[in-house]
């Protein structure tokens, strides 16, 4: 990749039932926290705990809405009306908690099946972008680059943070390897090798060996990935040492 890119931020999905010590460890390593809003996971207590610690540590507070059932990783996609109702119900739970701590909601990142349904559907993407522009001005949207989500954010005039997944496998068209399939989850050593290669080239290897260009502004580490805290700490050290990226 030519030119110079700012080093990306590290983000993590939290408040999803992980042990409290893992929440604490991850929040001490990442720049951005995506806090479950009570859809696929999370409740008032977990939201308050995550938001308070994120604010204490200077971590950007984000809402992480998802579909109910199967940890938000299955089921049919919602209609546009169902999606709007879901977002109107879930995002304010984190936003109001952040406001009580004296900070603004920094970003919104959809979860699991909802994330992928919206990135593949222009109508759903426009519904999300329009709602964020109207109800949460100044809040960024986190999603994969080059999908319907990024185009919708641009049309709505809202900030978009293109995201890569440090601990998940990619196929050559940029989609993630489905969970449960071979190559879906990367071991920490392989994830850190991926990050090092990306910092040098701007690309990662897909499961078929193809080089996939990923113009991302933030990398995700999942809390339920084995060794997630150690991976996040090591990734943060590598990012902090990198400065801007060639």
C-alpha atoms as a PDB file:
ATOM      1  CA  UNK A   1       0.000   0.000   0.000  1.00  0.00           C
ATOM      2  CA  UNK A   2       1.357   3.391  -0.847  1.00  0.00           C
ATOM      3  CA  UNK A   3       1.364   6.470   1.333  1.00  0.00           C
ATOM      4  CA  UNK A   4       1.233   6.651   5.094  1.00  0.00           C
ATOM      5  CA  UNK A   5      -1.610   5.482   7.325  1.00  0.00           C
ATOM      6  CA  UNK A   6      -2.164   6.325  10.947  1.00  0.00           C
ATOM      7  CA  UNK A   7      -1.694   3.325  13.178  1.00  0.00           C
ATOM      8  CA  UNK A   8      -5.009   1.589  13.837  1.00  0.00           C
ATOM      9  CA  UNK A   9      -6.849   1.413  17.131  1.00  0.00           C
ATOM     10  CA  UNK A  10      -7.495  -1.842  18.969  1.00  0.00           C
ATOM     11  CA  UNK A  11     -11.086  -2.692  19.875  1.00  0.00           C
ATOM     12  CA  UNK A  12     -12.811  -5.479  21.775  1.00  0.00           C
ATOM     13  CA  UNK A  13     -16.388  -6.726  22.264  1.00  0.00           C
ATOM     14  CA  UNK A  14     -17.116  -6.742  26.004  1.00  0.00           C
ATOM     15  CA  UNK A  15     -19.849  -7.241  28.576  1.00  0.00           C
ATOM     16  CA  UNK A  16     -20.767 -10.537  26.949  1.00  0.00           C
ATOM     17  CA  UNK A  17     -20.533 -12.701  30.059  1.00  0.00           C
ATOM     18  CA  UNK A  18     -16.749 -12.926  30.166  1.00  0.00           C
ATOM     19  CA  UNK A  19     -15.129 -13.108  33.632  1.00  0.00           C
ATOM     20  CA  UNK A  20     -14.614  -9.730  35.284  1.00  0.00           C
ATOM     21  CA  UNK A  21     -10.827 -10.133  35.334  1.00  0.00           C
ATOM     22  CA  UNK A  22     -10.882 -10.634  31.547  1.00  0.00           C
ATOM     23  CA  UNK A  23     -12.985  -7.506  31.103  1.00  0.00           C
ATOM     24  CA  UNK A  24     -10.470  -5.589  33.193  1.00  0.00           C
ATOM     25  CA  UNK A  25      -7.460  -7.013  31.373  1.00  0.00           C
ATOM     26  CA  UNK A  26      -8.852  -6.280  27.938  1.00  0.00           C
ATOM     27  CA  UNK A  27      -9.911  -2.735  28.814  1.00  0.00           C
ATOM     28  CA  UNK A  28      -6.354  -2.043  29.932  1.00  0.00           C
ATOM     29  CA  UNK A  29      -5.079  -3.098  26.499  1.00  0.00           C
ATOM     30  CA  UNK A  30      -7.546  -1.682  23.962  1.00  0.00           C
ATOM     31  CA  UNK A  31      -8.440   1.791  22.696  1.00  0.00           C
ATOM     32  CA  UNK A  32     -12.152   1.136  22.075  1.00  0.00           C
ATOM     33  CA  UNK A  33     -14.739  -0.957  23.942  1.00  0.00           C
ATOM     34  CA  UNK A  34     -17.816  -2.365  22.173  1.00  0.00           C
ATOM     35  CA  UNK A  35     -20.238  -2.945  25.052  1.00  0.00           C
ATOM     36  CA  UNK A  36     -23.097  -5.433  24.666  1.00  0.00           C
ATOM     37  CA  UNK A  37     -26.462  -3.685  24.983  1.00  0.00           C
ATOM     38  CA  UNK A  38     -28.713  -6.442  26.331  1.00  0.00           C
ATOM     39  CA  UNK A  39     -29.652  -7.979  22.984  1.00  0.00           C
ATOM     40  CA  UNK A  40     -27.331 -10.937  22.398  1.00  0.00           C
ATOM     41  CA  UNK A  41     -25.695 -10.393  25.820  1.00  0.00           C
ATOM     42  CA  UNK A  42     -25.282  -7.860  28.604  1.00  0.00           C
ATOM     43  CA  UNK A  43     -27.547  -6.232  31.155  1.00  0.00           C
ATOM     44  CA  UNK A  44     -27.720  -2.999  33.152  1.00  0.00           C
ATOM     45  CA  UNK A  45     -25.045  -4.173  35.591  1.00  0.00           C
ATOM     46  CA  UNK A  46     -22.541  -5.320  32.968  1.00  0.00           C
ATOM     47  CA  UNK A  47     -23.071  -2.135  30.961  1.00  0.00           C
ATOM     48  CA  UNK A  48     -22.447   0.055  34.011  1.00  0.00           C
ATOM     49  CA  UNK A  49     -19.313  -1.907  34.978  1.00  0.00           C
ATOM     50  CA  UNK A  50     -17.809  -1.798  31.489  1.00  0.00           C
ATOM     51  CA  UNK A  51     -18.606   1.871  30.916  1.00  0.00           C
ATOM     52  CA  UNK A  52     -17.224   2.982  34.284  1.00  0.00           C
ATOM     53  CA  UNK A  53     -13.944   1.130  33.814  1.00  0.00           C
ATOM     54  CA  UNK A  54     -13.606   2.263  30.196  1.00  0.00           C
ATOM     55  CA  UNK A  55     -14.043   5.889  31.249  1.00  0.00           C
ATOM     56  CA  UNK A  56     -11.539   5.456  34.086  1.00  0.00           C
ATOM     57  CA  UNK A  57      -8.963   4.050  31.645  1.00  0.00           C
ATOM     58  CA  UNK A  58      -9.619   6.528  28.829  1.00  0.00           C
ATOM     59  CA  UNK A  59     -11.078   3.882  26.502  1.00  0.00           C
ATOM     60  CA  UNK A  60     -13.666   4.970  23.918  1.00  0.00           C
ATOM     61  CA  UNK A  61     -17.159   3.771  24.871  1.00  0.00           C
ATOM     62  CA  UNK A  62     -19.110   2.072  22.109  1.00  0.00           C
ATOM     63  CA  UNK A  63     -22.483   0.327  21.879  1.00  0.00           C
ATOM     64  CA  UNK A  64     -22.583  -3.256  20.569  1.00  0.00           C
ATOM     65  CA  UNK A  65     -26.188  -4.111  19.660  1.00  0.00           C
ATOM     66  CA  UNK A  66     -27.098  -7.606  18.514  1.00  0.00           C
ATOM     67  CA  UNK A  67     -29.898 -10.015  17.760  1.00  0.00           C
ATOM     68  CA  UNK A  68     -31.349 -12.062  20.620  1.00  0.00           C
ATOM     69  CA  UNK A  69     -30.869 -15.838  20.708  1.00  0.00           C
ATOM     70  CA  UNK A  70     -27.879 -18.037  19.837  1.00  0.00           C
ATOM     71  CA  UNK A  71     -25.570 -15.323  21.171  1.00  0.00           C
ATOM     72  CA  UNK A  72     -26.611 -13.151  18.239  1.00  0.00           C
ATOM     73  CA  UNK A  73     -24.769 -15.348  15.747  1.00  0.00           C
ATOM     74  CA  UNK A  74     -27.716 -16.996  14.000  1.00  0.00           C
ATOM     75  CA  UNK A  75     -31.271 -16.470  12.853  1.00  0.00           C
ATOM     76  CA  UNK A  76     -32.793 -14.602   9.916  1.00  0.00           C
ATOM     77  CA  UNK A  77     -31.877 -10.986   9.208  1.00  0.00           C
ATOM     78  CA  UNK A  78     -34.305  -8.365  10.517  1.00  0.00           C
ATOM     79  CA  UNK A  79     -36.505  -6.181   8.387  1.00  0.00           C
ATOM     80  CA  UNK A  80     -35.612  -2.493   8.207  1.00  0.00           C
ATOM     81  CA  UNK A  81     -38.360  -1.711  10.739  1.00  0.00           C
ATOM     82  CA  UNK A  82     -37.190  -4.455  13.095  1.00  0.00           C
ATOM     83  CA  UNK A  83     -33.611  -3.236  12.817  1.00  0.00           C
ATOM     84  CA  UNK A  84     -34.572   0.351  13.639  1.00  0.00           C
ATOM     85  CA  UNK A  85     -36.607  -0.783  16.657  1.00  0.00           C
ATOM     86  CA  UNK A  86     -33.684  -2.910  17.876  1.00  0.00           C
ATOM     87  CA  UNK A  87     -31.208  -0.038  17.576  1.00  0.00           C
ATOM     88  CA  UNK A  88     -33.583   2.430  19.227  1.00  0.00           C
ATOM     89  CA  UNK A  89     -33.944   0.056  22.165  1.00  0.00           C
ATOM     90  CA  UNK A  90     -30.353  -1.087  22.630  1.00  0.00           C
ATOM     91  CA  UNK A  91     -27.969   1.788  21.811  1.00  0.00           C
ATOM     92  CA  UNK A  92     -29.429   4.217  24.395  1.00  0.00           C
ATOM     93  CA  UNK A  93     -28.672   1.732  27.187  1.00  0.00           C
ATOM     94  CA  UNK A  94     -24.945   2.261  26.670  1.00  0.00           C
ATOM     95  CA  UNK A  95     -25.261   5.895  25.631  1.00  0.00           C
ATOM     96  CA  UNK A  96     -27.145   6.867  28.794  1.00  0.00           C
ATOM     97  CA  UNK A  97     -24.633   5.017  30.967  1.00  0.00           C
ATOM     98  CA  UNK A  98     -21.794   6.861  29.223  1.00  0.00           C
ATOM     99  CA  UNK A  99     -23.569  10.178  29.724  1.00  0.00           C
ATOM    100  CA  UNK A 100     -23.867   9.495  33.455  1.00  0.00           C
ATOM    101  CA  UNK A 101     -20.085   9.027  33.491  1.00  0.00           C
ATOM    102  CA  UNK A 102     -19.592  12.346  31.734  1.00  0.00           C
ATOM    103  CA  UNK A 103     -18.576  11.092  28.282  1.00  0.00           C
ATOM    104  CA  UNK A 104     -20.185  10.854  24.850  1.00  0.00           C
ATOM    105  CA  UNK A 105     -20.863   7.631  23.007  1.00  0.00           C
ATOM    106  CA  UNK A 106     -17.853   7.221  20.741  1.00  0.00           C
ATOM    107  CA  UNK A 107     -19.026   4.546  18.287  1.00  0.00           C
ATOM    108  CA  UNK A 108     -21.494   1.811  17.429  1.00  0.00           C
ATOM    109  CA  UNK A 109     -20.505  -1.652  16.224  1.00  0.00           C
ATOM    110  CA  UNK A 110     -23.137  -4.243  15.353  1.00  0.00           C
ATOM    111  CA  UNK A 111     -22.703  -7.811  16.592  1.00  0.00           C
ATOM    112  CA  UNK A 112     -22.481 -11.178  14.880  1.00  0.00           C
ATOM    113  CA  UNK A 113     -25.272 -12.045  12.455  1.00  0.00           C
ATOM    114  CA  UNK A 114     -26.580  -8.474  12.595  1.00  0.00           C
ATOM    115  CA  UNK A 115     -23.158  -7.095  11.618  1.00  0.00           C
ATOM    116  CA  UNK A 116     -22.983  -9.339   8.553  1.00  0.00           C
ATOM    117  CA  UNK A 117     -26.640  -8.927   7.545  1.00  0.00           C
ATOM    118  CA  UNK A 118     -26.330  -5.137   7.489  1.00  0.00           C
ATOM    119  CA  UNK A 119     -23.005  -5.080   5.656  1.00  0.00           C
ATOM    120  CA  UNK A 120     -24.597  -7.142   2.835  1.00  0.00           C
ATOM    121  CA  UNK A 121     -27.886  -5.233   2.487  1.00  0.00           C
ATOM    122  CA  UNK A 122     -28.048  -1.650   1.244  1.00  0.00           C
ATOM    123  CA  UNK A 123     -31.500  -1.019   2.747  1.00  0.00           C
ATOM    124  CA  UNK A 124     -30.438  -2.219   6.197  1.00  0.00           C
ATOM    125  CA  UNK A 125     -27.185  -0.287   5.955  1.00  0.00           C
ATOM    126  CA  UNK A 126     -29.032   2.914   5.048  1.00  0.00           C
ATOM    127  CA  UNK A 127     -31.483   2.352   7.916  1.00  0.00           C
ATOM    128  CA  UNK A 128     -28.585   2.095  10.363  1.00  0.00           C
ATOM    129  CA  UNK A 129     -26.704   5.083   8.955  1.00  0.00           C
ATOM    130  CA  UNK A 130     -29.812   7.266   8.952  1.00  0.00           C
ATOM    131  CA  UNK A 131     -30.620   6.387  12.556  1.00  0.00           C
ATOM    132  CA  UNK A 132     -27.071   7.108  13.709  1.00  0.00           C
ATOM    133  CA  UNK A 133     -27.053  10.451  11.900  1.00  0.00           C
ATOM    134  CA  UNK A 134     -30.410  11.473  13.396  1.00  0.00           C
ATOM    135  CA  UNK A 135     -30.253  10.071  16.907  1.00  0.00           C
ATOM    136  CA  UNK A 136     -26.532   9.840  17.666  1.00  0.00           C
ATOM    137  CA  UNK A 137     -24.737  12.634  15.775  1.00  0.00           C
ATOM    138  CA  UNK A 138     -20.978  12.585  16.138  1.00  0.00           C
ATOM    139  CA  UNK A 139     -20.933   8.844  16.807  1.00  0.00           C
ATOM    140  CA  UNK A 140     -18.771   6.714  14.498  1.00  0.00           C
ATOM    141  CA  UNK A 141     -19.855   3.436  12.912  1.00  0.00           C
ATOM    142  CA  UNK A 142     -17.463   0.469  12.999  1.00  0.00           C
ATOM    143  CA  UNK A 143     -17.725  -2.082  10.178  1.00  0.00           C
ATOM    144  CA  UNK A 144     -15.800  -3.954   7.531  1.00  0.00           C
ATOM    145  CA  UNK A 145     -14.332  -1.902   4.671  1.00  0.00           C
ATOM    146  CA  UNK A 146     -15.785  -1.988   1.201  1.00  0.00           C
ATOM    147  CA  UNK A 147     -19.253  -3.216   2.172  1.00  0.00           C
ATOM    148  CA  UNK A 148     -22.722  -1.655   2.114  1.00  0.00           C
ATOM    149  CA  UNK A 149     -22.062  -0.221   5.562  1.00  0.00           C
ATOM    150  CA  UNK A 150     -19.167   1.975   4.475  1.00  0.00           C
ATOM    151  CA  UNK A 151     -21.081   3.312   1.467  1.00  0.00           C
ATOM    152  CA  UNK A 152     -24.155   4.032   3.622  1.00  0.00           C
ATOM    153  CA  UNK A 153     -22.075   5.886   6.183  1.00  0.00           C
ATOM    154  CA  UNK A 154     -20.609   8.037   3.433  1.00  0.00           C
ATOM    155  CA  UNK A 155     -24.070   8.850   2.042  1.00  0.00           C
ATOM    156  CA  UNK A 156     -25.312   9.779   5.530  1.00  0.00           C
ATOM    157  CA  UNK A 157     -22.241  11.899   6.284  1.00  0.00           C
ATOM    158  CA  UNK A 158     -21.240   9.966   9.402  1.00  0.00           C
ATOM    159  CA  UNK A 159     -17.780   8.834  10.453  1.00  0.00           C
ATOM    160  CA  UNK A 160     -16.912   5.246   9.553  1.00  0.00           C
ATOM    161  CA  UNK A 161     -14.092   3.195  11.108  1.00  0.00           C
ATOM    162  CA  UNK A 162     -13.206   0.290   8.806  1.00  0.00           C
ATOM    163  CA  UNK A 163     -12.447  -2.768  10.903  1.00  0.00           C
ATOM    164  CA  UNK A 164     -10.263  -5.856  10.611  1.00  0.00           C
ATOM    165  CA  UNK A 165     -10.475  -8.982  12.754  1.00  0.00           C
ATOM    166  CA  UNK A 166      -7.162  -9.942  14.264  1.00  0.00           C
ATOM    167  CA  UNK A 167      -8.257 -13.356  15.523  1.00  0.00           C
ATOM    168  CA  UNK A 168     -10.540 -14.496  12.659  1.00  0.00           C
ATOM    169  CA  UNK A 169      -9.788 -16.103   9.308  1.00  0.00           C
ATOM    170  CA  UNK A 170     -10.627 -14.427   5.984  1.00  0.00           C
ATOM    171  CA  UNK A 171     -11.642 -15.818   2.620  1.00  0.00           C
ATOM    172  CA  UNK A 172     -10.276 -14.129  -0.474  1.00  0.00           C
ATOM    173  CA  UNK A 173     -13.310 -11.864  -1.067  1.00  0.00           C
ATOM    174  CA  UNK A 174     -12.863 -10.279   2.370  1.00  0.00           C
ATOM    175  CA  UNK A 175     -15.602 -12.164   4.198  1.00  0.00           C
ATOM    176  CA  UNK A 176     -14.838 -13.970   7.450  1.00  0.00           C
ATOM    177  CA  UNK A 177     -14.540 -17.745   7.560  1.00  0.00           C
ATOM    178  CA  UNK A 178     -17.799 -18.933   9.212  1.00  0.00           C
ATOM    179  CA  UNK A 179     -17.427 -19.829  12.876  1.00  0.00           C
ATOM    180  CA  UNK A 180     -17.017 -23.554  13.319  1.00  0.00           C
ATOM    181  CA  UNK A 181     -15.342 -23.986   9.930  1.00  0.00           C
ATOM    182  CA  UNK A 182     -11.650 -24.804   9.582  1.00  0.00           C
ATOM    183  CA  UNK A 183      -9.538 -21.664   9.757  1.00  0.00           C
ATOM    184  CA  UNK A 184     -12.236 -19.547  11.416  1.00  0.00           C
ATOM    185  CA  UNK A 185     -10.164 -18.747  14.501  1.00  0.00           C
ATOM    186  CA  UNK A 186      -6.487 -17.806  14.611  1.00  0.00           C
ATOM    187  CA  UNK A 187      -4.149 -18.753  17.433  1.00  0.00           C
ATOM    188  CA  UNK A 188      -2.499 -15.758  19.142  1.00  0.00           C
ATOM    189  CA  UNK A 189       0.881 -16.399  17.491  1.00  0.00           C
ATOM    190  CA  UNK A 190      -0.693 -16.450  14.030  1.00  0.00           C
ATOM    191  CA  UNK A 191      -2.764 -13.348  14.845  1.00  0.00           C
ATOM    192  CA  UNK A 192       0.346 -11.405  15.836  1.00  0.00           C
ATOM    193  CA  UNK A 193       2.161 -12.566  12.701  1.00  0.00           C
ATOM    194  CA  UNK A 194      -0.820 -11.292  10.704  1.00  0.00           C
ATOM    195  CA  UNK A 195      -0.598  -7.904  12.424  1.00  0.00           C
ATOM    196  CA  UNK A 196       3.119  -7.645  11.753  1.00  0.00           C
ATOM    197  CA  UNK A 197       2.616  -8.434   8.088  1.00  0.00           C
ATOM    198  CA  UNK A 198      -0.233  -5.959   7.800  1.00  0.00           C
ATOM    199  CA  UNK A 199       1.831  -3.195   9.388  1.00  0.00           C
ATOM    200  CA  UNK A 200       4.396  -3.725   6.625  1.00  0.00           C
ATOM    201  CA  UNK A 201       2.166  -4.372   3.621  1.00  0.00           C
ATOM    202  CA  UNK A 202      -1.433  -3.400   4.412  1.00  0.00           C
ATOM    203  CA  UNK A 203      -2.550  -6.902   3.486  1.00  0.00           C
ATOM    204  CA  UNK A 204      -3.333 -10.228   5.164  1.00  0.00           C
ATOM    205  CA  UNK A 205      -3.385 -13.776   3.826  1.00  0.00           C
ATOM    206  CA  UNK A 206      -6.748 -15.365   3.101  1.00  0.00           C
ATOM    207  CA  UNK A 207      -7.316 -19.064   3.764  1.00  0.00           C
ATOM    208  CA  UNK A 208      -6.442 -19.901   0.133  1.00  0.00           C
ATOM    209  CA  UNK A 209      -3.147 -18.005   0.394  1.00  0.00           C
ATOM    210  CA  UNK A 210      -4.319 -14.947  -1.559  1.00  0.00           C
ATOM    211  CA  UNK A 211      -3.152 -11.527  -0.394  1.00  0.00           C
ATOM    212  CA  UNK A 212      -6.136  -9.483   0.767  1.00  0.00           C
ATOM    213  CA  UNK A 213      -5.741  -5.718   1.047  1.00  0.00           C
ATOM    214  CA  UNK A 214      -7.375  -4.459   4.258  1.00  0.00           C
ATOM    215  CA  UNK A 215      -7.534  -0.649   4.621  1.00  0.00           C
ATOM    216  CA  UNK A 216      -8.598  -0.736   8.271  1.00  0.00           C
ATOM    217  CA  UNK A 217      -8.588   1.870  11.030  1.00  0.00           C
ATOM    218  CA  UNK A 218      -9.246  -0.532  13.898  1.00  0.00           C
ATOM    219  CA  UNK A 219      -8.498  -4.188  14.687  1.00  0.00           C
ATOM    220  CA  UNK A 220     -10.825  -6.335  16.800  1.00  0.00           C
ATOM    221  CA  UNK A 221      -9.849  -8.924  19.393  1.00  0.00           C
ATOM    222  CA  UNK A 222     -12.770 -11.010  20.659  1.00  0.00           C
ATOM    223  CA  UNK A 223     -13.042 -11.520  24.415  1.00  0.00           C
ATOM    224  CA  UNK A 224     -13.968 -15.194  23.970  1.00  0.00           C
ATOM    225  CA  UNK A 225     -10.881 -15.993  21.893  1.00  0.00           C
ATOM    226  CA  UNK A 226      -8.527 -18.206  23.939  1.00  0.00           C
ATOM    227  CA  UNK A 227      -5.681 -16.051  25.252  1.00  0.00           C
ATOM    228  CA  UNK A 228      -7.497 -12.830  24.318  1.00  0.00           C
ATOM    229  CA  UNK A 229      -5.952 -10.700  27.077  1.00  0.00           C
ATOM    230  CA  UNK A 230      -2.398 -11.732  26.225  1.00  0.00           C
ATOM    231  CA  UNK A 231      -3.102 -11.259  22.523  1.00  0.00           C
ATOM    232  CA  UNK A 232      -4.547  -7.776  23.097  1.00  0.00           C
ATOM    233  CA  UNK A 233      -1.580  -6.742  25.247  1.00  0.00           C
ATOM    234  CA  UNK A 234       0.931  -7.950  22.660  1.00  0.00           C
ATOM    235  CA  UNK A 235      -0.993  -6.342  19.793  1.00  0.00           C
ATOM    236  CA  UNK A 236      -1.160  -3.029  21.662  1.00  0.00           C
ATOM    237  CA  UNK A 237       2.596  -3.092  22.265  1.00  0.00           C
ATOM    238  CA  UNK A 238       3.191  -3.746  18.579  1.00  0.00           C
ATOM    239  CA  UNK A 239       0.836  -0.969  17.502  1.00  0.00           C
ATOM    240  CA  UNK A 240       2.316   1.512  19.974  1.00  0.00           C
ATOM    241  CA  UNK A 241       5.812   0.717  18.685  1.00  0.00           C
ATOM    242  CA  UNK A 242       4.767   1.076  15.046  1.00  0.00           C
ATOM    243  CA  UNK A 243       3.754   4.759  15.006  1.00  0.00           C
ATOM    244  CA  UNK A 244       2.314   5.644  11.602  1.00  0.00           C
ATOM    245  CA  UNK A 245       2.242   2.833   9.039  1.00  0.00           C
ATOM    246  CA  UNK A 246       3.994   2.947   5.685  1.00  0.00           C
END
